[in-house]
């Protein structure tokens, strides 16, 4: 069975749990800040090699835009010259 706790014990347990959660959160944030700083430095050194997926998507998007513009020119030429 569950042991019976007084209000004071319950409140102290809740405060202890809140302090532990806050400490874990601060540690997590510290680690995330360090990681973000490290990756920012790496990205600054060579942005193309740091994120190849992004670079590939940019290249593909540029090609898609070029093709769409080319097709639009062809459609306007057909509409006005035919």
PDB file of N, CA and C in Angstrom:
ATOM      1  N   UNK A   1       0.820  -1.172   0.000  1.00  0.00           N
ATOM      2  CA  UNK A   1       0.000   0.000   0.000  1.00  0.00           C
ATOM      3  C   UNK A   1       0.875   1.249   0.000  1.00  0.00           C
ATOM      4  N   UNK A   2       0.292   2.329  -0.412  1.00  0.00           N
ATOM      5  CA  UNK A   2       1.005   3.599  -0.440  1.00  0.00           C
ATOM      6  C   UNK A   2       1.129   4.143   0.976  1.00  0.00           C
ATOM      7  N   UNK A   3       2.298   4.710   1.244  1.00  0.00           N
ATOM      8  CA  UNK A   3       2.486   5.263   2.588  1.00  0.00           C
ATOM      9  C   UNK A   3       1.810   6.622   2.677  1.00  0.00           C
ATOM     10  N   UNK A   4       1.357   6.959   3.832  1.00  0.00           N
ATOM     11  CA  UNK A   4       0.658   8.207   4.050  1.00  0.00           C
ATOM     12  C   UNK A   4       1.687   9.292   4.322  1.00  0.00           C
ATOM     13  N   UNK A   5       1.538  10.429   3.641  1.00  0.00           N
ATOM     14  CA  UNK A   5       2.470  11.543   3.802  1.00  0.00           C
ATOM     15  C   UNK A   5       1.726  12.743   4.354  1.00  0.00           C
ATOM     16  N   UNK A   6       2.454  13.501   5.119  1.00  0.00           N
ATOM     17  CA  UNK A   6       1.867  14.747   5.611  1.00  0.00           C
ATOM     18  C   UNK A   6       1.975  15.786   4.507  1.00  0.00           C
ATOM     19  N   UNK A   7       1.278  16.884   4.669  1.00  0.00           N
ATOM     20  CA  UNK A   7       1.344  17.949   3.661  1.00  0.00           C
ATOM     21  C   UNK A   7       2.753  18.478   3.517  1.00  0.00           C
ATOM     22  N   UNK A   8       3.435  18.606   4.644  1.00  0.00           N
ATOM     23  CA  UNK A   8       4.806  19.131   4.626  1.00  0.00           C
ATOM     24  C   UNK A   8       5.728  18.190   3.839  1.00  0.00           C
ATOM     25  N   UNK A   9       5.632  16.892   4.085  1.00  0.00           N
ATOM     26  CA  UNK A   9       6.458  15.931   3.357  1.00  0.00           C
ATOM     27  C   UNK A   9       6.150  15.964   1.869  1.00  0.00           C
ATOM     28  N   UNK A  10       4.862  16.030   1.547  1.00  0.00           N
ATOM     29  CA  UNK A  10       4.457  16.076   0.138  1.00  0.00           C
ATOM     30  C   UNK A  10       5.001  17.335  -0.531  1.00  0.00           C
ATOM     31  N   UNK A  11       4.867  18.474   0.135  1.00  0.00           N
ATOM     32  CA  UNK A  11       5.342  19.738  -0.417  1.00  0.00           C
ATOM     33  C   UNK A  11       6.861  19.707  -0.605  1.00  0.00           C
ATOM     34  N   UNK A  12       7.595  19.168   0.382  1.00  0.00           N
ATOM     35  CA  UNK A  12       9.049  19.064   0.269  1.00  0.00           C
ATOM     36  C   UNK A  12       9.444  18.158  -0.887  1.00  0.00           C
ATOM     37  N   UNK A  13       8.710  17.061  -1.059  1.00  0.00           N
ATOM     38  CA  UNK A  13       8.994  16.150  -2.175  1.00  0.00           C
ATOM     39  C   UNK A  13       8.766  16.843  -3.517  1.00  0.00           C
ATOM     40  N   UNK A  14       7.688  17.609  -3.607  1.00  0.00           N
ATOM     41  CA  UNK A  14       7.402  18.339  -4.839  1.00  0.00           C
ATOM     42  C   UNK A  14       8.470  19.391  -5.117  1.00  0.00           C
ATOM     43  N   UNK A  15       8.906  20.101  -4.074  1.00  0.00           N
ATOM     44  CA  UNK A  15       9.951  21.114  -4.247  1.00  0.00           C
ATOM     45  C   UNK A  15      11.261  20.471  -4.672  1.00  0.00           C
ATOM     46  N   UNK A  16      11.599  19.333  -4.089  1.00  0.00           N
ATOM     47  CA  UNK A  16      12.824  18.619  -4.451  1.00  0.00           C
ATOM     48  C   UNK A  16      12.767  18.176  -5.914  1.00  0.00           C
ATOM     49  N   UNK A  17      11.621  17.661  -6.322  1.00  0.00           N
ATOM     50  CA  UNK A  17      11.455  17.226  -7.717  1.00  0.00           C
ATOM     51  C   UNK A  17      11.570  18.424  -8.664  1.00  0.00           C
ATOM     52  N   UNK A  18      11.013  19.566  -8.261  1.00  0.00           N
ATOM     53  CA  UNK A  18      11.093  20.770  -9.101  1.00  0.00           C
ATOM     54  C   UNK A  18      12.535  21.253  -9.213  1.00  0.00           C
ATOM     55  N   UNK A  19      13.282  21.218  -8.106  1.00  0.00           N
ATOM     56  CA  UNK A  19      14.691  21.638  -8.150  1.00  0.00           C
ATOM     57  C   UNK A  19      15.503  20.716  -9.050  1.00  0.00           C
ATOM     58  N   UNK A  20      15.266  19.411  -8.938  1.00  0.00           N
ATOM     59  CA  UNK A  20      15.993  18.454  -9.781  1.00  0.00           C
ATOM     60  C   UNK A  20      15.662  18.668 -11.256  1.00  0.00           C
ATOM     61  N   UNK A  21      14.398  18.912 -11.547  1.00  0.00           N
ATOM     62  CA  UNK A  21      13.992  19.143 -12.941  1.00  0.00           C
ATOM     63  C   UNK A  21      14.637  20.419 -13.469  1.00  0.00           C
ATOM     64  N   UNK A  22      14.686  21.460 -12.642  1.00  0.00           N
ATOM     65  CA  UNK A  22      15.302  22.714 -13.068  1.00  0.00           C
ATOM     66  C   UNK A  22      16.797  22.519 -13.316  1.00  0.00           C
ATOM     67  N   UNK A  23      17.457  21.735 -12.455  1.00  0.00           N
ATOM     68  CA  UNK A  23      18.890  21.465 -12.626  1.00  0.00           C
ATOM     69  C   UNK A  23      19.135  20.692 -13.919  1.00  0.00           C
ATOM     70  N   UNK A  24      18.313  19.667 -14.188  1.00  0.00           N
ATOM     71  CA  UNK A  24      18.454  18.904 -15.443  1.00  0.00           C
ATOM     72  C   UNK A  24      18.241  19.802 -16.647  1.00  0.00           C
ATOM     73  N   UNK A  25      17.250  20.695 -16.562  1.00  0.00           N
ATOM     74  CA  UNK A  25      16.963  21.609 -17.662  1.00  0.00           C
ATOM     75  C   UNK A  25      18.134  22.546 -17.917  1.00  0.00           C
ATOM     76  N   UNK A  26      18.745  23.055 -16.858  1.00  0.00           N
ATOM     77  CA  UNK A  26      19.894  23.942 -17.025  1.00  0.00           C
ATOM     78  C   UNK A  26      21.063  23.207 -17.656  1.00  0.00           C
ATOM     79  N   UNK A  27      21.297  21.953 -17.244  1.00  0.00           N
ATOM     80  CA  UNK A  27      22.365  21.161 -17.849  1.00  0.00           C
ATOM     81  C   UNK A  27      22.090  20.919 -19.332  1.00  0.00           C
ATOM     82  N   UNK A  28      20.839  20.591 -19.635  1.00  0.00           N
ATOM     83  CA  UNK A  28      20.470  20.347 -21.039  1.00  0.00           C
ATOM     84  C   UNK A  28      20.678  21.603 -21.878  1.00  0.00           C
ATOM     85  N   UNK A  29      20.254  22.746 -21.359  1.00  0.00           N
ATOM     86  CA  UNK A  29      20.418  23.995 -22.097  1.00  0.00           C
ATOM     87  C   UNK A  29      21.887  24.324 -22.297  1.00  0.00           C
ATOM     88  N   UNK A  30      22.702  24.045 -21.295  1.00  0.00           N
ATOM     89  CA  UNK A  30      24.139  24.298 -21.412  1.00  0.00           C
ATOM     90  C   UNK A  30      24.747  23.436 -22.524  1.00  0.00           C
ATOM     91  N   UNK A  31      24.372  22.165 -22.534  1.00  0.00           N
ATOM     92  CA  UNK A  31      24.886  21.256 -23.567  1.00  0.00           C
ATOM     93  C   UNK A  31      24.410  21.707 -24.946  1.00  0.00           C
ATOM     94  N   UNK A  32      23.153  22.116 -25.062  1.00  0.00           N
ATOM     95  CA  UNK A  32      22.627  22.567 -26.349  1.00  0.00           C
ATOM     96  C   UNK A  32      23.342  23.831 -26.823  1.00  0.00           C
ATOM     97  N   UNK A  33      23.624  24.760 -25.898  1.00  0.00           N
ATOM     98  CA  UNK A  33      24.346  25.979 -26.274  1.00  0.00           C
ATOM     99  C   UNK A  33      25.746  25.651 -26.788  1.00  0.00           C
ATOM    100  N   UNK A  34      26.432  24.744 -26.088  1.00  0.00           N
ATOM    101  CA  UNK A  34      27.770  24.340 -26.522  1.00  0.00           C
ATOM    102  C   UNK A  34      27.725  23.703 -27.905  1.00  0.00           C
ATOM    103  N   UNK A  35      26.750  22.842 -28.128  1.00  0.00           N
ATOM    104  CA  UNK A  35      26.621  22.178 -29.425  1.00  0.00           C
ATOM    105  C   UNK A  35      26.317  23.193 -30.523  1.00  0.00           C
ATOM    106  N   UNK A  36      25.416  24.138 -30.228  1.00  0.00           N
ATOM    107  CA  UNK A  36      25.072  25.152 -31.229  1.00  0.00           C
ATOM    108  C   UNK A  36      26.291  26.004 -31.566  1.00  0.00           C
ATOM    109  N   UNK A  37      27.070  26.361 -30.572  1.00  0.00           N
ATOM    110  CA  UNK A  37      28.268  27.168 -30.802  1.00  0.00           C
ATOM    111  C   UNK A  37      29.269  26.398 -31.663  1.00  0.00           C
ATOM    112  N   UNK A  38      29.430  25.099 -31.358  1.00  0.00           N
ATOM    113  CA  UNK A  38      30.377  24.272 -32.117  1.00  0.00           C
ATOM    114  C   UNK A  38      29.944  24.136 -33.575  1.00  0.00           C
ATOM    115  N   UNK A  39      28.658  23.861 -33.808  1.00  0.00           N
ATOM    116  CA  UNK A  39      28.200  23.688 -35.185  1.00  0.00           C
ATOM    117  C   UNK A  39      28.214  25.010 -35.945  1.00  0.00           C
ATOM    118  N   UNK A  40      27.966  26.129 -35.242  1.00  0.00           N
ATOM    119  CA  UNK A  40      28.038  27.428 -35.904  1.00  0.00           C
ATOM    120  C   UNK A  40      29.450  27.706 -36.410  1.00  0.00           C
ATOM    121  N   UNK A  41      30.449  27.349 -35.595  1.00  0.00           N
ATOM    122  CA  UNK A  41      31.840  27.550 -36.006  1.00  0.00           C
ATOM    123  C   UNK A  41      32.170  26.684 -37.211  1.00  0.00           C
ATOM    124  N   UNK A  42      31.690  25.452 -37.221  1.00  0.00           N
ATOM    125  CA  UNK A  42      31.946  24.561 -38.351  1.00  0.00           C
ATOM    126  C   UNK A  42      31.275  25.090 -39.610  1.00  0.00           C
ATOM    127  N   UNK A  43      30.075  25.604 -39.487  1.00  0.00           N
ATOM    128  CA  UNK A  43      29.331  26.102 -40.638  1.00  0.00           C
ATOM    129  C   UNK A  43      29.998  27.341 -41.203  1.00  0.00           C
ATOM    130  N   UNK A  44      30.528  28.181 -40.319  1.00  0.00           N
ATOM    131  CA  UNK A  44      31.207  29.389 -40.773  1.00  0.00           C
ATOM    132  C   UNK A  44      32.447  29.047 -41.603  1.00  0.00           C
ATOM    133  N   UNK A  45      33.130  27.958 -41.241  1.00  0.00           N
ATOM    134  CA  UNK A  45      34.341  27.575 -41.955  1.00  0.00           C
ATOM    135  C   UNK A  45      34.050  27.168 -43.392  1.00  0.00           C
ATOM    136  N   UNK A  46      33.026  26.361 -43.601  1.00  0.00           N
ATOM    137  CA  UNK A  46      32.702  25.872 -44.936  1.00  0.00           C
ATOM    138  C   UNK A  46      31.201  25.618 -45.033  1.00  0.00           C
ATOM    139  N   UNK A  47      30.425  26.623 -45.415  1.00  0.00           N
ATOM    140  CA  UNK A  47      28.972  26.456 -45.409  1.00  0.00           C
ATOM    141  C   UNK A  47      28.460  25.423 -46.401  1.00  0.00           C
ATOM    142  N   UNK A  48      29.145  25.228 -47.520  1.00  0.00           N
ATOM    143  CA  UNK A  48      28.659  24.273 -48.516  1.00  0.00           C
ATOM    144  C   UNK A  48      28.817  22.847 -48.002  1.00  0.00           C
ATOM    145  N   UNK A  49      29.942  22.534 -47.389  1.00  0.00           N
ATOM    146  CA  UNK A  49      30.184  21.185 -46.911  1.00  0.00           C
ATOM    147  C   UNK A  49      29.511  20.915 -45.572  1.00  0.00           C
ATOM    148  N   UNK A  50      29.132  21.948 -44.849  1.00  0.00           N
ATOM    149  CA  UNK A  50      28.518  21.745 -43.541  1.00  0.00           C
ATOM    150  C   UNK A  50      27.135  21.120 -43.677  1.00  0.00           C
ATOM    151  N   UNK A  51      26.389  21.538 -44.699  1.00  0.00           N
ATOM    152  CA  UNK A  51      25.039  21.008 -44.873  1.00  0.00           C
ATOM    153  C   UNK A  51      24.816  20.662 -46.350  1.00  0.00           C
ATOM    154  N   UNK A  52      25.266  19.501 -46.776  1.00  0.00           N
ATOM    155  CA  UNK A  52      25.148  19.149 -48.200  1.00  0.00           C
ATOM    156  C   UNK A  52      23.702  18.992 -48.668  1.00  0.00           C
ATOM    157  N   UNK A  53      22.799  18.578 -47.776  1.00  0.00           N
ATOM    158  CA  UNK A  53      21.401  18.424 -48.185  1.00  0.00           C
ATOM    159  C   UNK A  53      20.807  19.771 -48.575  1.00  0.00           C
ATOM    160  N   UNK A  54      21.109  20.786 -47.781  1.00  0.00           N
ATOM    161  CA  UNK A  54      20.587  22.122 -48.066  1.00  0.00           C
ATOM    162  C   UNK A  54      21.156  22.624 -49.380  1.00  0.00           C
ATOM    163  N   UNK A  55      22.434  22.404 -49.594  1.00  0.00           N
ATOM    164  CA  UNK A  55      23.063  22.846 -50.839  1.00  0.00           C
ATOM    165  C   UNK A  55      22.419  22.155 -52.041  1.00  0.00           C
ATOM    166  N   UNK A  56      22.206  20.844 -51.923  1.00  0.00           N
ATOM    167  CA  UNK A  56      21.584  20.098 -53.027  1.00  0.00           C
ATOM    168  C   UNK A  56      20.169  20.599 -53.302  1.00  0.00           C
ATOM    169  N   UNK A  57      19.425  20.899 -52.234  1.00  0.00           N
ATOM    170  CA  UNK A  57      18.067  21.418 -52.434  1.00  0.00           C
ATOM    171  C   UNK A  57      18.089  22.784 -53.110  1.00  0.00           C
ATOM    172  N   UNK A  58      19.057  23.617 -52.752  1.00  0.00           N
ATOM    173  CA  UNK A  58      19.169  24.939 -53.384  1.00  0.00           C
ATOM    174  C   UNK A  58      19.451  24.803 -54.874  1.00  0.00           C
ATOM    175  N   UNK A  59      20.342  23.896 -55.216  1.00  0.00           N
ATOM    176  CA  UNK A  59      20.683  23.685 -56.632  1.00  0.00           C
ATOM    177  C   UNK A  59      19.461  23.183 -57.395  1.00  0.00           C
ATOM    178  N   UNK A  60      18.748  22.223 -56.821  1.00  0.00           N
ATOM    179  CA  UNK A  60      17.569  21.684 -57.497  1.00  0.00           C
ATOM    180  C   UNK A  60      16.481  22.738 -57.645  1.00  0.00           C
ATOM    181  N   UNK A  61      16.313  23.590 -56.630  1.00  0.00           N
ATOM    182  CA  UNK A  61      15.317  24.654 -56.695  1.00  0.00           C
ATOM    183  C   UNK A  61      15.683  25.654 -57.785  1.00  0.00           C
ATOM    184  N   UNK A  62      16.951  25.989 -57.890  1.00  0.00           N
ATOM    185  CA  UNK A  62      17.379  26.910 -58.947  1.00  0.00           C
ATOM    186  C   UNK A  62      17.081  26.337 -60.330  1.00  0.00           C
ATOM    187  N   UNK A  63      17.339  25.057 -60.513  1.00  0.00           N
ATOM    188  CA  UNK A  63      17.039  24.419 -61.797  1.00  0.00           C
ATOM    189  C   UNK A  63      15.536  24.427 -62.068  1.00  0.00           C
ATOM    190  N   UNK A  64      14.744  24.133 -61.063  1.00  0.00           N
ATOM    191  CA  UNK A  64      13.286  24.103 -61.243  1.00  0.00           C
ATOM    192  C   UNK A  64      12.757  25.487 -61.617  1.00  0.00           C
ATOM    193  N   UNK A  65      13.260  26.516 -60.968  1.00  0.00           N
ATOM    194  CA  UNK A  65      12.834  27.883 -61.287  1.00  0.00           C
ATOM    195  C   UNK A  65      13.221  28.238 -62.717  1.00  0.00           C
ATOM    196  N   UNK A  66      14.425  27.865 -63.110  1.00  0.00           N
ATOM    197  CA  UNK A  66      14.883  28.147 -64.475  1.00  0.00           C
ATOM    198  C   UNK A  66      14.021  27.443 -65.515  1.00  0.00           C
ATOM    199  N   UNK A  67      13.698  26.193 -65.261  1.00  0.00           N
ATOM    200  CA  UNK A  67      12.871  25.440 -66.205  1.00  0.00           C
ATOM    201  C   UNK A  67      11.482  26.050 -66.311  1.00  0.00           C
ATOM    202  N   UNK A  68      10.883  26.428 -65.176  1.00  0.00           N
ATOM    203  CA  UNK A  68       9.550  27.031 -65.197  1.00  0.00           C
ATOM    204  C   UNK A  68       9.578  28.349 -65.970  1.00  0.00           C
ATOM    205  N   UNK A  69      10.575  29.165 -65.751  1.00  0.00           N
ATOM    206  CA  UNK A  69      10.676  30.437 -66.480  1.00  0.00           C
ATOM    207  C   UNK A  69      10.847  30.192 -67.982  1.00  0.00           C
ATOM    208  N   UNK A  70      11.664  29.215 -68.334  1.00  0.00           N
ATOM    209  CA  UNK A  70      11.837  28.885 -69.741  1.00  0.00           C
ATOM    210  C   UNK A  70      10.545  28.432 -70.385  1.00  0.00           C
ATOM    211  N   UNK A  71       9.800  27.601 -69.690  1.00  0.00           N
ATOM    212  CA  UNK A  71       8.519  27.145 -70.222  1.00  0.00           C
ATOM    213  C   UNK A  71       7.517  28.292 -70.346  1.00  0.00           C
ATOM    214  N   UNK A  72       7.533  29.231 -69.408  1.00  0.00           N
ATOM    215  CA  UNK A  72       6.652  30.391 -69.500  1.00  0.00           C
ATOM    216  C   UNK A  72       6.976  31.236 -70.731  1.00  0.00           C
ATOM    217  N   UNK A  73       8.240  31.412 -71.017  1.00  0.00           N
ATOM    218  CA  UNK A  73       8.634  32.173 -72.210  1.00  0.00           C
ATOM    219  C   UNK A  73       8.129  31.468 -73.457  1.00  0.00           C
ATOM    220  N   UNK A  74       8.276  30.157 -73.510  1.00  0.00           N
ATOM    221  CA  UNK A  74       7.813  29.399 -74.667  1.00  0.00           C
ATOM    222  C   UNK A  74       6.283  29.544 -74.827  1.00  0.00           C
ATOM    223  N   UNK A  75       5.528  29.464 -73.735  1.00  0.00           N
ATOM    224  CA  UNK A  75       4.075  29.587 -73.791  1.00  0.00           C
ATOM    225  C   UNK A  75       3.690  30.984 -74.294  1.00  0.00           C
ATOM    226  N   UNK A  76       4.328  32.023 -73.798  1.00  0.00           N
ATOM    227  CA  UNK A  76       4.008  33.398 -74.264  1.00  0.00           C
ATOM    228  C   UNK A  76       4.357  33.567 -75.726  1.00  0.00           C
ATOM    229  N   UNK A  77       5.465  33.004 -76.172  1.00  0.00           N
ATOM    230  CA  UNK A  77       5.822  33.098 -77.583  1.00  0.00           C
ATOM    231  C   UNK A  77       4.768  32.403 -78.442  1.00  0.00           C
ATOM    232  N   UNK A  78       4.320  31.234 -78.013  1.00  0.00           N
ATOM    233  CA  UNK A  78       3.308  30.510 -78.785  1.00  0.00           C
ATOM    234  C   UNK A  78       1.988  31.296 -78.802  1.00  0.00           C
ATOM    235  N   UNK A  79       1.609  31.873 -77.693  1.00  0.00           N
ATOM    236  CA  UNK A  79       0.354  32.605 -77.621  1.00  0.00           C
ATOM    237  C   UNK A  79       0.362  33.854 -78.499  1.00  0.00           C
ATOM    238  N   UNK A  80       1.441  34.601 -78.510  1.00  0.00           N
ATOM    239  CA  UNK A  80       1.464  35.860 -79.228  1.00  0.00           C
ATOM    240  C   UNK A  80       1.913  35.727 -80.677  1.00  0.00           C
ATOM    241  N   UNK A  81       2.622  34.702 -81.035  1.00  0.00           N
ATOM    242  CA  UNK A  81       3.116  34.579 -82.414  1.00  0.00           C
ATOM    243  C   UNK A  81       2.269  33.626 -83.250  1.00  0.00           C
ATOM    244  N   UNK A  82       1.391  32.891 -82.652  1.00  0.00           N
ATOM    245  CA  UNK A  82       0.599  31.938 -83.434  1.00  0.00           C
ATOM    246  C   UNK A  82      -0.792  32.436 -83.638  1.00  0.00           C
TER     247      UNK A  82
END
